[in-house]
Amino acid sequence: MIRVEHLQKNFGQLHALKDVTLEVNKGEIVSLIGPSGSGKSTLLRCIHGLEKPDKGKIYMNDELMDPQNKEKYREQRNHMGFVFQHFNLFPHMTVLDNLNLAQTEVLGRSKEDATKKSLELLKRVGLQEKKDSYPNNLSGGQKQRVAIARALCMDPDMMLFDEPTSALDPEMIKEVLEVMKDLGKQGMTMIVVTHEMGFARKVGSRVVFLDHGEIIEDAPSEEFFSNPKSDRAKDFLSKVFYE
């Protein structure tokens, strides 16, 4: 579904991504893990087009994602839902209006059809009763579930999550991970930047471990956690799992 070839991205003197090549197949749940500053979020943002790579190519369903071909590029990006760390909800709009906006403005749906879709998805994430609330009246976990529902309103073929639980209190993390787990069970292709090792191990199908802008290991989840191959991955896991 997504193929990344020899991607490079620099921020001044910082080499955020160094010759990264990656494939994600339909139905996979790929967890991008690694220390802070390893390039995980930069890779995710390059895939979605929020950052422009300095070198390399990205393909969706074997078709090049070329920003110069603006109409095609916009259509390709619309097939990817993106969930941010800090929700990015419009505070002056109700939950329902947050979900309706892109449907009517980008997809051209009628308000009636958009509202029907929004209510279906709010029910799916357990927040239908919050449709008339404003974001400031929601908990962090509820905001993130609304953000997931908003992304799903666009009927994406795949979902990209950029540390979706890192801004949440510990008690609220589980409710967001449960929604993501359910998405995976329904066959949604997902790339997840996460520090939640339990999710990466139990729900993810693959782990891609990055460090200093490079992919150090790419392996099935259980294999990575039970038998990491590289010394760097072994060192990382010894620090995140306290015994």
Protein backbone atom coordinates (compact mmCIF):
# COMPACT_ATOMS: atom_id res chain seq x y z
CA MET A 1 0.00 0.00 0.00
CA ILE A 2 2.86 2.38 0.86
CA ARG A 3 6.42 2.08 -0.40
CA VAL A 4 9.18 4.43 0.71
CA GLU A 5 12.43 4.38 -1.24
CA HIS A 6 15.72 5.92 -0.08
CA LEU A 7 14.07 8.77 1.82
CA GLN A 8 16.27 11.55 3.18
CA LYS A 9 15.26 14.59 5.21
CA ASN A 10 17.49 17.25 6.74
CA PHE A 11 16.67 20.10 9.08
CA GLY A 12 19.75 22.27 8.72
CA GLN A 13 22.65 20.22 10.06
CA LEU A 14 20.33 17.57 11.51
CA HIS A 15 20.00 14.47 9.32
CA ALA A 16 16.53 13.42 10.45
CA LEU A 17 16.19 10.59 7.90
CA LYS A 18 19.09 8.80 6.23
CA ASP A 19 18.27 6.64 3.21
CA VAL A 20 15.08 5.10 4.68
CA THR A 21 13.36 2.36 2.67
CA LEU A 22 10.11 0.79 3.93
CA GLU A 23 7.07 -1.09 2.65
CA VAL A 24 3.68 -1.30 4.37
CA ASN A 25 1.19 -3.81 3.02
CA LYS A 26 -2.59 -3.66 3.16
CA GLY A 27 -3.96 -4.69 6.55
CA GLU A 28 -0.65 -4.37 8.39
CA ILE A 29 -0.26 -2.51 11.68
CA VAL A 30 3.29 -1.19 11.65
CA SER A 31 4.67 0.32 14.87
CA LEU A 32 7.46 2.86 14.47
CA ILE A 33 9.46 2.82 17.70
CA GLY A 34 12.78 4.16 18.89
CA PRO A 35 14.29 6.87 21.08
CA SER A 36 13.20 10.50 20.85
CA GLY A 37 14.75 12.21 17.85
CA SER A 38 15.20 8.97 15.91
CA GLY A 39 13.13 10.17 12.93
CA LYS A 40 9.86 8.35 13.60
CA SER A 41 7.53 11.34 13.36
CA THR A 42 9.51 12.85 10.49
CA LEU A 43 9.07 9.64 8.50
CA LEU A 44 5.33 9.61 9.20
CA ARG A 45 4.97 13.27 8.23
CA CYS A 46 6.91 12.72 5.00
CA ILE A 47 4.61 9.85 4.06
CA HIS A 48 1.56 12.05 4.56
CA GLY A 49 3.08 15.08 2.85
CA LEU A 50 3.28 17.31 5.92
CA GLU A 51 7.05 17.39 5.38
CA LYS A 52 8.81 17.42 2.01
CA PRO A 53 11.68 14.91 1.73
CA ASP A 54 15.00 16.17 0.39
CA LYS A 55 15.56 12.94 -1.53
CA GLY A 56 13.73 9.71 -2.19
CA LYS A 57 10.31 8.64 -3.44
CA ILE A 58 7.04 7.53 -1.90
CA TYR A 59 4.50 5.35 -3.69
CA MET A 60 0.89 4.60 -2.83
CA ASN A 61 -0.50 1.46 -4.45
CA ASP A 62 2.49 1.50 -6.84
CA GLU A 63 1.73 5.06 -7.97
CA LEU A 64 4.30 7.78 -7.28
CA MET A 65 3.19 10.47 -4.83
CA ASP A 66 4.40 13.55 -6.70
CA PRO A 67 3.63 16.97 -5.16
CA GLN A 68 4.07 18.52 -8.60
CA ASN A 69 0.96 16.66 -9.75
CA LYS A 70 -1.20 18.61 -7.33
CA GLU A 71 -4.62 17.12 -8.08
CA LYS A 72 -3.41 13.52 -7.97
CA TYR A 73 -1.29 14.20 -4.88
CA ARG A 74 -4.26 15.71 -3.04
CA GLU A 75 -6.37 12.68 -3.92
CA GLN A 76 -3.66 10.31 -2.67
CA ARG A 77 -3.28 12.19 0.59
CA ASN A 78 -7.04 12.01 1.14
CA HIS A 79 -6.69 8.23 1.33
CA MET A 80 -4.59 8.64 4.49
CA GLY A 81 -6.06 9.71 7.82
CA PHE A 82 -3.64 11.46 10.19
CA VAL A 83 -4.05 11.64 13.96
CA PHE A 84 -1.82 14.11 15.76
CA GLN A 85 -0.31 14.01 19.23
CA HIS A 86 -2.20 17.13 20.33
CA PHE A 87 -5.62 16.46 18.75
CA ASN A 88 -5.73 19.65 16.56
CA LEU A 89 -9.48 20.10 17.05
CA PHE A 90 -11.05 23.49 16.37
CA PRO A 91 -11.92 24.81 19.87
CA HIS A 92 -14.67 27.18 18.65
CA MET A 93 -16.60 24.37 16.95
CA THR A 94 -18.67 21.56 18.45
CA VAL A 95 -17.55 17.97 18.15
CA LEU A 96 -20.10 17.38 15.39
CA ASP A 97 -18.98 20.47 13.45
CA ASN A 98 -15.33 19.38 13.78
CA LEU A 99 -16.24 16.09 12.11
CA ASN A 100 -18.49 17.62 9.46
CA LEU A 101 -16.11 20.33 8.24
CA ALA A 102 -13.70 18.40 6.01
CA GLN A 103 -16.49 16.16 4.72
CA THR A 104 -18.43 19.10 3.36
CA GLU A 105 -15.45 21.24 2.30
CA VAL A 106 -13.12 18.56 0.89
CA LEU A 107 -15.36 15.64 -0.08
CA GLY A 108 -18.35 17.80 -1.05
CA ARG A 109 -20.84 15.87 1.06
CA SER A 110 -24.13 17.46 1.98
CA LYS A 111 -24.46 18.53 5.59
CA GLU A 112 -27.11 15.83 6.08
CA ASP A 113 -24.84 13.06 4.75
CA ALA A 114 -21.85 14.40 6.67
CA THR A 115 -23.81 14.49 9.91
CA LYS A 116 -25.03 10.91 9.39
CA LYS A 117 -21.44 9.75 8.86
CA SER A 118 -20.17 11.75 11.84
CA LEU A 119 -22.76 10.32 14.21
CA GLU A 120 -21.99 6.78 13.06
CA LEU A 121 -18.30 7.28 13.81
CA LEU A 122 -18.89 9.05 17.13
CA LYS A 123 -20.94 6.02 18.16
CA ARG A 124 -18.10 3.77 17.03
CA VAL A 125 -15.63 5.56 19.33
CA GLY A 126 -18.18 5.75 22.17
CA LEU A 127 -18.81 9.50 22.08
CA GLN A 128 -22.14 10.03 20.34
CA GLU A 129 -23.51 11.81 23.42
CA LYS A 130 -20.71 14.42 23.11
CA LYS A 131 -21.73 15.62 19.64
CA ASP A 132 -22.80 19.07 20.85
CA SER A 133 -19.89 19.54 23.28
CA TYR A 134 -16.90 21.77 22.62
CA PRO A 135 -13.36 20.35 22.77
CA ASN A 136 -12.50 22.31 25.92
CA ASN A 137 -15.21 20.36 27.77
CA LEU A 138 -13.72 16.98 26.88
CA SER A 139 -10.99 14.95 28.56
CA GLY A 140 -7.77 14.30 26.69
CA GLY A 141 -8.81 10.76 25.87
CA GLN A 142 -12.15 11.96 24.55
CA LYS A 143 -10.46 14.59 22.39
CA GLN A 144 -8.20 11.99 20.84
CA ARG A 145 -11.12 9.66 20.15
CA VAL A 146 -12.90 12.57 18.43
CA ALA A 147 -9.74 13.20 16.40
CA ILE A 148 -9.71 9.55 15.31
CA ALA A 149 -13.40 9.73 14.35
CA ARG A 150 -12.72 12.93 12.39
CA ALA A 151 -9.95 11.20 10.40
CA LEU A 152 -12.22 8.21 9.72
CA CYS A 153 -14.91 10.51 8.35
CA MET A 154 -12.78 10.91 5.22
CA ASP A 155 -13.02 7.15 4.47
CA PRO A 156 -9.24 6.61 4.50
CA ASP A 157 -7.61 3.43 3.27
CA MET A 158 -4.97 3.73 5.96
CA MET A 159 -4.42 5.61 9.21
CA LEU A 160 -1.26 7.32 10.42
CA PHE A 161 -0.91 7.95 14.17
CA ASP A 162 1.81 10.25 15.51
CA GLU A 163 2.26 9.36 19.20
CA PRO A 164 -1.52 9.47 19.78
CA THR A 165 -1.31 8.78 23.53
CA SER A 166 1.80 10.72 24.58
CA ALA A 167 -0.17 13.83 25.59
CA LEU A 168 -2.66 11.85 27.69
CA ASP A 169 -2.86 11.05 31.37
CA PRO A 170 -2.16 7.35 32.05
CA GLU A 171 -5.80 6.64 32.89
CA MET A 172 -6.92 7.90 29.46
CA ILE A 173 -4.45 5.97 27.34
CA LYS A 174 -6.33 2.68 27.35
CA GLU A 175 -9.53 4.12 25.90
CA VAL A 176 -7.64 5.48 22.88
CA LEU A 177 -5.64 2.28 22.37
CA GLU A 178 -8.87 0.25 22.49
CA VAL A 179 -10.29 2.30 19.59
CA MET A 180 -7.07 1.73 17.63
CA LYS A 181 -7.16 -1.98 18.45
CA ASP A 182 -10.71 -2.23 17.12
CA LEU A 183 -9.64 -0.48 13.91
CA GLY A 184 -6.92 -3.07 13.47
CA LYS A 185 -9.38 -5.93 13.99
CA GLN A 186 -11.52 -4.47 11.20
CA GLY A 187 -8.56 -4.59 8.81
CA MET A 188 -7.46 -0.97 8.78
CA THR A 189 -3.88 -0.48 7.61
CA MET A 190 -2.04 1.58 10.23
CA ILE A 191 1.37 3.12 10.79
CA VAL A 192 1.75 4.09 14.43
CA VAL A 193 4.53 6.14 16.00
CA THR A 194 4.30 5.04 19.61
CA HIS A 195 6.01 4.62 22.95
CA GLU A 196 3.33 2.12 24.03
CA MET A 197 5.34 -1.08 23.86
CA GLY A 198 2.41 -3.25 24.95
CA PHE A 199 0.36 -2.02 21.99
CA ALA A 200 3.28 -2.48 19.59
CA ARG A 201 3.78 -6.04 20.81
CA LYS A 202 0.21 -7.28 21.15
CA VAL A 203 -1.64 -5.34 18.44
CA GLY A 204 1.04 -4.45 15.90
CA SER A 205 1.94 -6.92 13.17
CA ARG A 206 5.40 -5.45 12.61
CA VAL A 207 7.89 -3.28 14.45
CA VAL A 208 10.21 -0.86 12.67
CA PHE A 209 12.92 0.31 15.05
CA LEU A 210 14.67 3.58 14.16
CA ASP A 211 17.68 5.30 15.62
CA HIS A 212 19.49 8.42 14.36
CA GLY A 213 17.34 8.57 11.22
CA GLU A 214 17.97 4.98 10.14
CA ILE A 215 15.97 1.76 10.29
CA ILE A 216 17.93 -0.55 12.57
CA GLU A 217 15.45 -3.44 12.62
CA ASP A 218 12.25 -4.37 10.80
CA ALA A 219 10.64 -7.55 12.13
CA PRO A 220 7.33 -9.18 13.15
CA SER A 221 6.30 -7.74 16.49
CA GLU A 222 6.66 -10.80 18.69
CA GLU A 223 9.98 -11.69 17.10
CA PHE A 224 11.34 -8.19 17.69
CA PHE A 225 10.37 -8.13 21.36
CA SER A 226 11.40 -11.68 22.17
CA ASN A 227 14.57 -11.85 20.09
CA PRO A 228 15.89 -8.49 18.88
CA LYS A 229 18.83 -8.89 16.52
CA SER A 230 20.80 -5.66 16.95
CA ASP A 231 22.66 -4.55 20.06
CA ARG A 232 21.00 -1.15 19.78
CA ALA A 233 17.51 -2.66 19.90
CA LYS A 234 18.50 -4.88 22.83
CA ASP A 235 19.79 -1.84 24.70
CA PHE A 236 16.63 0.14 23.93
CA LEU A 237 14.32 -2.63 25.14
CA SER A 238 16.34 -3.14 28.32
CA LYS A 239 15.64 0.50 29.19
CA VAL A 240 11.93 0.60 28.34
CA PHE A 241 11.09 -2.65 30.12
CA TYR A 242 11.96 -2.30 33.80
CA GLU A 243 12.54 -5.60 35.54
